[in-house]
Amino acid sequence: MNTYTANYKTFRRSSIFSADNLFARRALKALLIGTALAALLTVLSPLFVGSAAVRQDTLRLHVLANSDSAEDQAVKLLVRDAILEAHSQVLGEAKTKADAIRRATEMLPEIEKIANEVLRENGFSYSATAKVENIYFATKDYGDFTLPAGRYDALRIELGRHEGKNWFCVLFPPLCVPAAVDADEAPEYTGEEQALVSSPYRVEFAAVEAFEGVKEWTKNTFFQDDSSQK
């Protein structure tokens, strides 16, 4: 064996690419992946920050149908219309999100009453439940605007088993109820938030949804009290 061959074999045995140096190779791989993820997070950081701001400033309306049958889906819309007709003026007067949540919370008994009246009038035996809670939503494209995935405060109206397709909108800022003030004074998203939600669905929204989905899975898997689960 010549000197070159012996030196090369010695280098291979000591190299991080050697089979004897598995730990070092894994460490290098982890370092490269970590560096790539850090670079990606740096690029997407403004989107994550903007998405968090949108979630913080939004109160959503969520009506959950009993099932996907034509009848259940139709009465879902009747319940929606009755509630918005009865309470849009009051909800539209909210000047802040906290005020909107307070108004919605105070209206819960009346909202349930209206929903149940609509159900009975249309021959349905199941009932409605209304609540204000913080829940996870996937990315939702409304056509004119898109809300990124994550946890939002929401007025949630559950009809029967609430296993059917849902109806979504935004109560605050007042995007699905008329503001009870002049347009120039109506609450709205900040300029940065407007730019984000007004953007068409993009690959970046999928990144936010993946990130928020991992957070939600981690929370539900490792941190949720079993006694709080339905």
Protein backbone atom coordinates (compact mmCIF):
# COMPACT_ATOMS: atom_id res chain seq x y z
CA MET A 1 0.00 0.00 0.00
CA ASN A 2 1.50 3.33 -1.02
CA THR A 3 1.65 6.36 1.26
CA TYR A 4 -1.21 8.21 -0.52
CA THR A 5 -3.61 5.28 -0.11
CA ALA A 6 -2.75 4.88 3.57
CA ASN A 7 -3.23 8.59 4.23
CA TYR A 8 -6.58 8.60 2.40
CA LYS A 9 -7.88 5.66 4.43
CA THR A 10 -6.77 7.38 7.61
CA PHE A 11 -8.66 10.53 6.54
CA ARG A 12 -11.79 8.51 5.74
CA ARG A 13 -11.73 6.83 9.15
CA SER A 14 -11.40 10.20 10.90
CA SER A 15 -13.80 12.07 8.64
CA ILE A 16 -17.29 13.05 9.79
CA PHE A 17 -18.47 11.12 6.72
CA SER A 18 -17.06 7.90 8.13
CA ALA A 19 -19.39 5.16 9.32
CA ASP A 20 -17.45 5.29 12.61
CA ASN A 21 -18.45 8.93 13.05
CA LEU A 22 -22.27 8.54 12.92
CA PHE A 23 -22.87 10.97 15.77
CA ALA A 24 -20.88 13.72 14.09
CA ARG A 25 -22.71 13.20 10.80
CA ARG A 26 -26.08 13.39 12.53
CA ALA A 27 -25.00 16.51 14.36
CA LEU A 28 -23.99 18.13 11.07
CA LYS A 29 -27.31 17.16 9.48
CA ALA A 30 -29.24 18.61 12.42
CA LEU A 31 -27.17 21.79 12.21
CA LEU A 32 -27.91 22.19 8.50
CA ILE A 33 -31.64 21.56 9.00
CA GLY A 34 -31.71 23.97 11.94
CA THR A 35 -29.96 26.64 9.91
CA ALA A 36 -32.42 26.22 7.03
CA LEU A 37 -35.42 26.41 9.39
CA ALA A 38 -34.01 29.49 11.09
CA ALA A 39 -33.59 31.18 7.70
CA LEU A 40 -37.16 30.22 6.73
CA LEU A 41 -38.57 31.55 9.99
CA THR A 42 -36.68 34.80 9.48
CA VAL A 43 -38.26 35.24 6.06
CA LEU A 44 -41.74 34.33 7.34
CA SER A 45 -41.49 36.19 10.65
CA PRO A 46 -43.46 39.27 9.46
CA LEU A 47 -46.28 36.97 8.30
CA PHE A 48 -46.36 35.14 11.63
CA VAL A 49 -46.39 38.44 13.54
CA GLY A 50 -49.10 39.88 11.29
CA SER A 51 -51.21 36.72 11.55
CA ALA A 52 -51.00 36.85 15.35
CA ALA A 53 -52.17 40.48 15.29
CA VAL A 54 -55.14 39.61 13.06
CA ARG A 55 -56.17 36.79 15.38
CA GLN A 56 -55.86 39.06 18.41
CA ASP A 57 -58.09 41.75 16.84
CA THR A 58 -60.80 39.46 15.42
CA LEU A 59 -64.09 38.12 16.81
CA ARG A 60 -65.56 35.50 14.50
CA LEU A 61 -69.10 34.18 14.10
CA HIS A 62 -69.33 30.43 13.68
CA VAL A 63 -72.64 28.63 13.03
CA LEU A 64 -72.34 24.83 13.04
CA ALA A 65 -75.05 22.80 11.31
CA ASN A 66 -76.42 19.57 12.76
CA SER A 67 -75.39 17.61 9.65
CA ASP A 68 -74.76 17.98 5.93
CA SER A 69 -78.34 17.09 4.97
CA ALA A 70 -80.09 19.67 2.80
CA GLU A 71 -82.60 20.34 5.58
CA ASP A 72 -80.00 20.89 8.28
CA GLN A 73 -77.93 23.12 6.03
CA ALA A 74 -80.98 25.20 5.10
CA VAL A 75 -82.08 25.76 8.70
CA LYS A 76 -78.50 26.70 9.60
CA LEU A 77 -78.83 29.68 7.27
CA LEU A 78 -82.25 30.55 8.68
CA VAL A 79 -80.76 30.62 12.18
CA ARG A 80 -77.91 32.78 10.93
CA ASP A 81 -80.28 35.25 9.29
CA ALA A 82 -82.54 35.50 12.34
CA ILE A 83 -79.63 36.16 14.71
CA LEU A 84 -78.02 38.76 12.47
CA GLU A 85 -81.35 40.47 11.89
CA ALA A 86 -82.08 40.64 15.61
CA HIS A 87 -78.65 41.61 16.89
CA SER A 88 -76.52 43.09 14.11
CA GLN A 89 -77.32 46.64 15.21
CA VAL A 90 -76.11 46.04 18.77
CA LEU A 91 -73.06 44.09 17.67
CA GLY A 92 -72.29 46.74 15.08
CA GLU A 93 -72.03 49.37 17.81
CA ALA A 94 -68.93 47.78 19.36
CA LYS A 95 -65.93 50.10 19.23
CA THR A 96 -63.36 47.55 20.43
CA LYS A 97 -63.00 43.79 20.31
CA ALA A 98 -63.39 43.60 24.10
CA ASP A 99 -66.67 45.49 23.76
CA ALA A 100 -67.80 43.13 21.00
CA ILE A 101 -67.04 40.08 23.18
CA ARG A 102 -68.92 41.64 26.10
CA ARG A 103 -71.97 42.34 23.93
CA ALA A 104 -71.92 38.86 22.40
CA THR A 105 -71.56 37.22 25.83
CA GLU A 106 -74.48 39.20 27.25
CA MET A 107 -76.61 38.16 24.27
CA LEU A 108 -75.98 34.40 24.57
CA PRO A 109 -79.34 33.56 26.23
CA GLU A 110 -81.25 35.62 23.66
CA ILE A 111 -79.23 34.13 20.80
CA GLU A 112 -80.05 30.60 21.97
CA LYS A 113 -83.73 31.56 22.31
CA ILE A 114 -83.89 32.90 18.75
CA ALA A 115 -82.04 29.89 17.32
CA ASN A 116 -84.32 27.43 19.12
CA GLU A 117 -87.43 29.28 17.96
CA VAL A 118 -86.26 29.02 14.35
CA LEU A 119 -85.56 25.30 14.81
CA ARG A 120 -88.99 24.63 16.34
CA GLU A 121 -90.81 26.70 13.72
CA ASN A 122 -89.20 24.58 11.02
CA GLY A 123 -89.97 21.25 12.65
CA PHE A 124 -86.57 20.33 14.10
CA SER A 125 -86.39 18.51 17.44
CA TYR A 126 -82.76 19.25 18.25
CA SER A 127 -81.72 22.44 20.04
CA ALA A 128 -79.07 25.16 19.78
CA THR A 129 -76.26 26.16 22.11
CA ALA A 130 -74.41 29.50 21.97
CA LYS A 131 -71.07 30.29 23.55
CA VAL A 132 -68.10 32.61 23.24
CA GLU A 133 -64.83 30.72 23.25
CA ASN A 134 -61.30 30.65 21.90
CA ILE A 135 -60.95 27.89 19.31
CA TYR A 136 -58.73 26.81 16.43
CA PHE A 137 -59.67 27.66 12.84
CA ALA A 138 -57.96 26.52 9.65
CA THR A 139 -57.08 29.11 7.01
CA LYS A 140 -60.32 30.53 5.59
CA ASP A 141 -60.60 32.25 2.22
CA TYR A 142 -63.72 34.47 2.12
CA GLY A 143 -63.11 35.63 -1.45
CA ASP A 144 -62.37 39.28 -0.65
CA PHE A 145 -60.10 38.45 2.28
CA THR A 146 -58.33 35.52 3.91
CA LEU A 147 -57.96 34.82 7.62
CA PRO A 148 -54.82 32.89 8.57
CA ALA A 149 -55.03 29.72 10.64
CA GLY A 150 -54.82 29.77 14.42
CA ARG A 151 -56.89 30.27 17.56
CA TYR A 152 -59.57 32.97 17.45
CA ASP A 153 -62.21 34.25 19.84
CA ALA A 154 -65.57 33.34 18.34
CA LEU A 155 -69.30 33.49 18.94
CA ARG A 156 -70.09 29.84 18.32
CA ILE A 157 -73.65 28.61 17.69
CA GLU A 158 -73.98 24.84 17.70
CA LEU A 159 -77.09 23.24 16.20
CA GLY A 160 -77.89 19.70 17.36
CA ARG A 161 -74.89 17.38 16.92
CA HIS A 162 -73.07 20.23 15.07
CA GLU A 163 -71.39 17.77 12.68
CA GLY A 164 -72.25 19.46 9.36
CA LYS A 165 -70.61 22.12 7.24
CA ASN A 166 -70.31 25.41 9.06
CA TRP A 167 -70.92 29.05 8.24
CA PHE A 168 -68.23 31.58 9.17
CA CYS A 169 -67.99 35.35 9.25
CA VAL A 170 -66.34 38.16 11.22
CA LEU A 171 -68.27 40.11 13.84
CA PHE A 172 -65.38 42.36 14.76
CA PRO A 173 -64.20 44.28 12.88
CA PRO A 174 -67.80 44.41 11.59
CA LEU A 175 -67.39 42.57 8.28
CA CYS A 176 -70.68 40.62 8.41
CA VAL A 177 -72.76 43.12 10.39
CA PRO A 178 -73.25 46.78 9.46
CA ALA A 179 -71.30 49.17 11.64
CA ALA A 180 -73.62 51.46 13.56
CA VAL A 181 -71.35 54.44 12.93
CA ASP A 182 -70.13 56.39 9.91
CA ALA A 183 -67.75 54.49 7.65
CA ASP A 184 -64.87 56.79 8.58
CA GLU A 185 -65.34 55.89 12.26
CA ALA A 186 -66.05 52.17 11.91
CA PRO A 187 -63.53 49.83 13.57
CA GLU A 188 -61.22 48.16 11.11
CA TYR A 189 -57.95 46.29 10.85
CA THR A 190 -54.70 48.23 10.91
CA GLY A 191 -53.00 48.95 7.59
CA GLU A 192 -50.63 46.02 8.06
CA GLU A 193 -53.49 43.70 8.98
CA GLN A 194 -55.54 44.90 5.99
CA ALA A 195 -52.64 44.16 3.68
CA LEU A 196 -52.29 40.66 5.09
CA VAL A 197 -55.96 39.61 5.04
CA SER A 198 -56.57 41.24 1.64
CA SER A 199 -53.80 39.22 0.02
CA PRO A 200 -54.85 36.27 -2.12
CA TYR A 201 -54.23 32.80 -0.67
CA ARG A 202 -50.49 32.24 -0.79
CA VAL A 203 -47.99 29.51 0.00
CA GLU A 204 -47.06 31.50 3.10
CA PHE A 205 -50.56 30.97 4.53
CA ALA A 206 -49.93 27.23 4.27
CA ALA A 207 -46.74 27.73 6.28
CA VAL A 208 -48.70 29.58 8.97
CA GLU A 209 -51.32 26.83 9.02
CA ALA A 210 -48.64 24.14 9.34
CA PHE A 211 -46.95 26.04 12.18
CA GLU A 212 -50.23 26.70 14.02
CA GLY A 213 -51.36 23.13 13.41
CA VAL A 214 -48.22 21.78 15.10
CA LYS A 215 -48.81 24.14 18.03
CA GLU A 216 -52.42 22.97 18.34
CA TRP A 217 -51.44 19.30 18.14
CA THR A 218 -48.75 19.79 20.78
CA LYS A 219 -51.16 21.59 23.07
CA ASN A 220 -53.88 18.96 22.69
CA THR A 221 -51.47 16.06 23.01
CA PHE A 222 -49.29 17.13 25.89
CA PHE A 223 -50.92 19.97 27.77
CA GLN A 224 -54.69 19.48 27.71
CA ASP A 225 -56.34 18.28 30.91
CA ASP A 226 -58.29 15.09 30.21
CA SER A 227 -61.17 16.40 32.31
CA SER A 228 -61.64 19.35 29.94
CA GLN A 229 -62.08 17.22 26.83
CA LYS A 230 -65.55 16.65 25.46
